[in-house]
């Protein structure tokens, strides 16, 4: 599957309707329900990943 163009969406997030419309514009003959089912399946399988970072004391400072 080709990547979906985000066209400036914040944090590259799209709603299901946006994904469906983008797929239709790309020429795919796909229904909205099928799009929703695929997004649901992908979200269910997605896992978050974290990279633990360790620095020597006094070398790095982070704050929010």
Protein backbone atom coordinates (compact mmCIF):
# COMPACT_ATOMS: atom_id res chain seq x y z
CA UNK A 1 0.00 0.00 0.00
CA UNK A 2 1.32 3.44 -0.89
CA UNK A 3 1.67 6.05 1.87
CA UNK A 4 -1.21 8.48 2.20
CA UNK A 5 -0.34 12.13 1.66
CA UNK A 6 -0.98 14.20 4.78
CA UNK A 7 -0.90 17.65 3.15
CA UNK A 8 0.11 19.56 6.28
CA UNK A 9 -2.07 17.80 8.85
CA UNK A 10 -0.87 18.40 12.41
CA UNK A 11 1.40 15.57 13.54
CA UNK A 12 0.44 13.74 10.34
CA UNK A 13 -2.88 12.61 11.81
CA UNK A 14 -5.92 11.98 9.69
CA UNK A 15 -9.47 11.01 10.53
CA UNK A 16 -10.94 7.90 8.95
CA UNK A 17 -12.99 10.03 6.55
CA UNK A 18 -9.81 11.85 5.44
CA UNK A 19 -8.09 8.52 4.77
CA UNK A 20 -11.12 7.28 2.83
CA UNK A 21 -11.27 10.43 0.70
CA UNK A 22 -7.51 10.26 0.03
CA UNK A 23 -7.82 6.65 -1.11
CA UNK A 24 -10.74 7.54 -3.40
CA UNK A 25 -8.70 10.41 -4.89
CA UNK A 26 -5.85 7.95 -5.53
CA UNK A 27 -8.27 5.87 -7.61
CA UNK A 28 -9.05 3.07 -5.15
CA UNK A 29 -12.59 1.70 -5.28
CA UNK A 30 -13.10 1.25 -1.54
CA UNK A 31 -16.04 1.81 0.78
CA UNK A 32 -15.98 3.86 3.96
CA UNK A 33 -16.82 0.81 6.13
CA UNK A 34 -13.91 -1.12 4.64
CA UNK A 35 -11.62 1.82 5.36
CA UNK A 36 -12.85 1.99 8.98
CA UNK A 37 -12.32 -1.75 9.46
CA UNK A 38 -8.76 -1.52 8.10
CA UNK A 39 -7.92 1.47 10.33
CA UNK A 40 -9.36 -0.33 13.37
CA UNK A 41 -7.25 -3.42 12.61
CA UNK A 42 -4.06 -1.36 12.15
CA UNK A 43 -4.69 0.57 15.40
CA UNK A 44 -5.31 -2.66 17.29
CA UNK A 45 -1.97 -4.09 16.10
CA UNK A 46 0.02 -0.87 16.65
CA UNK A 47 2.35 -0.72 19.63
CA UNK A 48 4.14 2.26 21.10
CA UNK A 49 7.90 2.14 21.35
CA UNK A 50 10.13 3.99 23.77
CA UNK A 51 13.88 4.40 23.68
CA UNK A 52 15.42 4.73 27.10
CA UNK A 53 18.05 7.44 27.15
CA UNK A 54 20.73 7.73 29.79
CA UNK A 55 23.21 10.59 30.11
CA UNK A 56 26.05 11.43 32.44
CA UNK A 57 25.02 13.81 35.21
CA UNK A 58 25.43 17.44 34.21
CA UNK A 59 25.70 16.78 30.44
CA UNK A 60 22.07 17.11 29.37
CA UNK A 61 19.12 19.11 30.72
CA UNK A 62 15.52 18.58 29.56
CA UNK A 63 12.36 20.32 30.75
CA UNK A 64 8.81 20.98 29.62
